[in-house]
Amino acid sequence: MKKETFNTQVIFLLILAILLVIFTLQNSVSITVTLFFWKINNIPLVLLILCSVLLGYLIPYLSLLPRVWRLKRELARAKTENEQLQNENAENTSKTKPHPEGIAFEEEPDEEENRFFRE
């Protein structure tokens, strides 16, 4: 099963590589890019398109990194707190011996409650 997945991934990557080569050959025209007062001469169109796609991916990714780091810290903190609580719970349950009938009574019932049973 794993071998089939590997083969399909290799085939998919080869198809993408072939499409990228075709795209590069068809868009090899040099252009001039002007943005406000900057001017870049003779840049290949394919390079501009690929850089734009890469920036379009990286900008949102980089803007979300601080949130991901914060959530990872909170998750690690919650895991350690959960482990501590489980350890405390295990210590507390090991100290108290369960009653054979399932319910442990701490105190003896009052005399007033026992009057029904005496009569």
C-alpha atoms as a PDB file:
ATOM      1  CA  MET A   1       0.000   0.000   0.000  1.00  0.00           C
ATOM      2  CA  LYS A   2       2.795   2.414   0.860  1.00  0.00           C
ATOM      3  CA  LYS A   3       4.612   1.672  -2.399  1.00  0.00           C
ATOM      4  CA  GLU A   4       1.564   2.688  -4.449  1.00  0.00           C
ATOM      5  CA  THR A   5       1.354   6.002  -2.586  1.00  0.00           C
ATOM      6  CA  PHE A   6       5.015   6.658  -3.279  1.00  0.00           C
ATOM      7  CA  ASN A   7       4.573   5.927  -7.001  1.00  0.00           C
ATOM      8  CA  THR A   8       1.560   8.216  -7.319  1.00  0.00           C
ATOM      9  CA  GLN A   9       3.440  11.000  -5.524  1.00  0.00           C
ATOM     10  CA  VAL A  10       6.429  10.637  -7.848  1.00  0.00           C
ATOM     11  CA  ILE A  11       4.182  10.682 -10.915  1.00  0.00           C
ATOM     12  CA  PHE A  12       2.319  13.739  -9.593  1.00  0.00           C
ATOM     13  CA  LEU A  13       5.596  15.596  -8.934  1.00  0.00           C
ATOM     14  CA  LEU A  14       6.934  14.702 -12.397  1.00  0.00           C
ATOM     15  CA  ILE A  15       3.767  16.058 -14.021  1.00  0.00           C
ATOM     16  CA  LEU A  16       4.095  19.269 -11.998  1.00  0.00           C
ATOM     17  CA  ALA A  17       7.759  19.602 -12.998  1.00  0.00           C
ATOM     18  CA  ILE A  18       6.895  19.128 -16.675  1.00  0.00           C
ATOM     19  CA  LEU A  19       4.131  21.736 -16.411  1.00  0.00           C
ATOM     20  CA  LEU A  20       6.549  24.145 -14.723  1.00  0.00           C
ATOM     21  CA  VAL A  21       9.104  23.697 -17.530  1.00  0.00           C
ATOM     22  CA  ILE A  22       6.404  24.313 -20.160  1.00  0.00           C
ATOM     23  CA  PHE A  23       5.207  27.378 -18.233  1.00  0.00           C
ATOM     24  CA  THR A  24       8.776  28.683 -17.995  1.00  0.00           C
ATOM     25  CA  LEU A  25       9.445  28.225 -21.712  1.00  0.00           C
ATOM     26  CA  GLN A  26       6.206  29.944 -22.715  1.00  0.00           C
ATOM     27  CA  ASN A  27       6.739  32.925 -20.370  1.00  0.00           C
ATOM     28  CA  SER A  28      10.428  33.644 -20.873  1.00  0.00           C
ATOM     29  CA  VAL A  29       9.769  37.156 -22.182  1.00  0.00           C
ATOM     30  CA  SER A  30      11.663  39.943 -20.413  1.00  0.00           C
ATOM     31  CA  ILE A  31       9.559  42.789 -19.089  1.00  0.00           C
ATOM     32  CA  THR A  32       9.993  46.048 -17.184  1.00  0.00           C
ATOM     33  CA  VAL A  33       8.287  46.384 -13.816  1.00  0.00           C
ATOM     34  CA  THR A  34       7.461  49.824 -12.449  1.00  0.00           C
ATOM     35  CA  LEU A  35       6.159  50.344  -8.911  1.00  0.00           C
ATOM     36  CA  PHE A  36       5.821  53.943  -7.727  1.00  0.00           C
ATOM     37  CA  PHE A  37       9.314  55.325  -8.340  1.00  0.00           C
ATOM     38  CA  TRP A  38      11.123  51.973  -8.611  1.00  0.00           C
ATOM     39  CA  LYS A  39      11.808  50.540 -12.013  1.00  0.00           C
ATOM     40  CA  ILE A  40      13.206  47.057 -12.648  1.00  0.00           C
ATOM     41  CA  ASN A  41      14.327  46.440 -16.231  1.00  0.00           C
ATOM     42  CA  ASN A  42      14.550  43.147 -18.096  1.00  0.00           C
ATOM     43  CA  ILE A  43      13.083  40.761 -15.552  1.00  0.00           C
ATOM     44  CA  PRO A  44      11.737  37.471 -16.945  1.00  0.00           C
ATOM     45  CA  LEU A  45       7.968  37.213 -16.736  1.00  0.00           C
ATOM     46  CA  VAL A  46       8.137  33.695 -15.304  1.00  0.00           C
ATOM     47  CA  LEU A  47      10.374  34.924 -12.479  1.00  0.00           C
ATOM     48  CA  LEU A  48       7.929  37.720 -11.665  1.00  0.00           C
ATOM     49  CA  ILE A  49       4.957  35.330 -11.644  1.00  0.00           C
ATOM     50  CA  LEU A  50       6.731  32.738  -9.505  1.00  0.00           C
ATOM     51  CA  CYS A  51       7.939  35.388  -7.035  1.00  0.00           C
ATOM     52  CA  SER A  52       4.404  36.783  -6.802  1.00  0.00           C
ATOM     53  CA  VAL A  53       2.980  33.329  -6.090  1.00  0.00           C
ATOM     54  CA  LEU A  54       5.704  32.665  -3.511  1.00  0.00           C
ATOM     55  CA  LEU A  55       5.073  35.999  -1.778  1.00  0.00           C
ATOM     56  CA  GLY A  56       1.334  35.343  -1.866  1.00  0.00           C
ATOM     57  CA  TYR A  57       1.987  32.136   0.048  1.00  0.00           C
ATOM     58  CA  LEU A  58       4.656  33.421   2.457  1.00  0.00           C
ATOM     59  CA  ILE A  59       2.982  36.626   3.635  1.00  0.00           C
ATOM     60  CA  PRO A  60      -0.108  34.944   5.175  1.00  0.00           C
ATOM     61  CA  TYR A  61       2.045  32.084   6.497  1.00  0.00           C
ATOM     62  CA  LEU A  62       4.458  34.444   8.231  1.00  0.00           C
ATOM     63  CA  SER A  63       1.628  36.559   9.623  1.00  0.00           C
ATOM     64  CA  LEU A  64       0.085  33.458  11.259  1.00  0.00           C
ATOM     65  CA  LEU A  65       3.326  32.173  12.834  1.00  0.00           C
ATOM     66  CA  PRO A  66       3.011  34.171  16.097  1.00  0.00           C
ATOM     67  CA  ARG A  67      -0.501  32.796  16.636  1.00  0.00           C
ATOM     68  CA  VAL A  68       0.677  29.230  15.964  1.00  0.00           C
ATOM     69  CA  TRP A  69       3.541  29.649  18.448  1.00  0.00           C
ATOM     70  CA  ARG A  70       1.157  31.042  21.086  1.00  0.00           C
ATOM     71  CA  LEU A  71      -1.263  28.153  20.589  1.00  0.00           C
ATOM     72  CA  LYS A  72       1.578  25.627  20.846  1.00  0.00           C
ATOM     73  CA  ARG A  73       2.699  27.195  24.142  1.00  0.00           C
ATOM     74  CA  GLU A  74      -0.873  27.082  25.469  1.00  0.00           C
ATOM     75  CA  LEU A  75      -1.206  23.450  24.405  1.00  0.00           C
ATOM     76  CA  ALA A  76       2.047  22.494  26.141  1.00  0.00           C
ATOM     77  CA  ARG A  77       0.934  24.356  29.273  1.00  0.00           C
ATOM     78  CA  ALA A  78      -2.447  22.603  29.212  1.00  0.00           C
ATOM     79  CA  LYS A  79      -0.776  19.202  28.776  1.00  0.00           C
ATOM     80  CA  THR A  80       1.510  19.725  31.768  1.00  0.00           C
ATOM     81  CA  GLU A  81      -1.406  20.989  33.853  1.00  0.00           C
ATOM     82  CA  ASN A  82      -3.446  17.947  32.813  1.00  0.00           C
ATOM     83  CA  GLU A  83      -0.613  15.610  33.795  1.00  0.00           C
ATOM     84  CA  GLN A  84      -0.270  17.331  37.167  1.00  0.00           C
ATOM     85  CA  LEU A  85      -4.005  17.027  37.814  1.00  0.00           C
ATOM     86  CA  GLN A  86      -3.982  13.371  36.809  1.00  0.00           C
ATOM     87  CA  ASN A  87      -1.053  12.724  39.163  1.00  0.00           C
ATOM     88  CA  GLU A  88      -2.855  14.522  42.007  1.00  0.00           C
ATOM     89  CA  ASN A  89      -6.014  12.563  41.265  1.00  0.00           C
ATOM     90  CA  ALA A  90      -4.084   9.292  41.264  1.00  0.00           C
ATOM     91  CA  GLU A  91      -2.508  10.187  44.617  1.00  0.00           C
ATOM     92  CA  ASN A  92      -5.878  11.101  46.124  1.00  0.00           C
ATOM     93  CA  THR A  93      -7.596   7.935  44.927  1.00  0.00           C
ATOM     94  CA  SER A  94      -4.748   5.740  46.142  1.00  0.00           C
ATOM     95  CA  LYS A  95      -4.980   7.265  49.653  1.00  0.00           C
ATOM     96  CA  THR A  96      -8.676   6.516  50.123  1.00  0.00           C
ATOM     97  CA  LYS A  97      -9.643   2.905  50.192  1.00  0.00           C
ATOM     98  CA  PRO A  98     -12.984   2.281  48.470  1.00  0.00           C
ATOM     99  CA  HIS A  99     -15.862   0.903  50.538  1.00  0.00           C
ATOM    100  CA  PRO A 100     -16.813  -2.671  49.620  1.00  0.00           C
ATOM    101  CA  GLU A 101     -20.378  -1.642  48.829  1.00  0.00           C
ATOM    102  CA  GLY A 102     -19.274   1.286  46.742  1.00  0.00           C
ATOM    103  CA  ILE A 103     -20.315   4.106  49.126  1.00  0.00           C
ATOM    104  CA  ALA A 104     -18.169   5.112  52.058  1.00  0.00           C
ATOM    105  CA  PHE A 105     -19.924   6.781  54.999  1.00  0.00           C
ATOM    106  CA  GLU A 106     -17.779   9.212  56.889  1.00  0.00           C
ATOM    107  CA  GLU A 107     -19.983   9.554  59.959  1.00  0.00           C
ATOM    108  CA  GLU A 108     -22.438   7.451  61.858  1.00  0.00           C
ATOM    109  CA  PRO A 109     -26.093   8.428  61.322  1.00  0.00           C
ATOM    110  CA  ASP A 110     -27.713  10.577  63.994  1.00  0.00           C
ATOM    111  CA  GLU A 111     -29.824   9.032  66.745  1.00  0.00           C
ATOM    112  CA  GLU A 112     -32.877  10.774  65.367  1.00  0.00           C
ATOM    113  CA  GLU A 113     -32.448   9.011  62.041  1.00  0.00           C
ATOM    114  CA  ASN A 114     -32.101   5.638  63.830  1.00  0.00           C
ATOM    115  CA  ARG A 115     -35.435   5.940  65.644  1.00  0.00           C
ATOM    116  CA  PHE A 116     -37.277   4.467  62.671  1.00  0.00           C
ATOM    117  CA  PHE A 117     -35.218   1.344  62.819  1.00  0.00           C
ATOM    118  CA  ARG A 118     -35.598   0.830  66.601  1.00  0.00           C
ATOM    119  CA  GLU A 119     -39.352   0.699  66.649  1.00  0.00           C
END
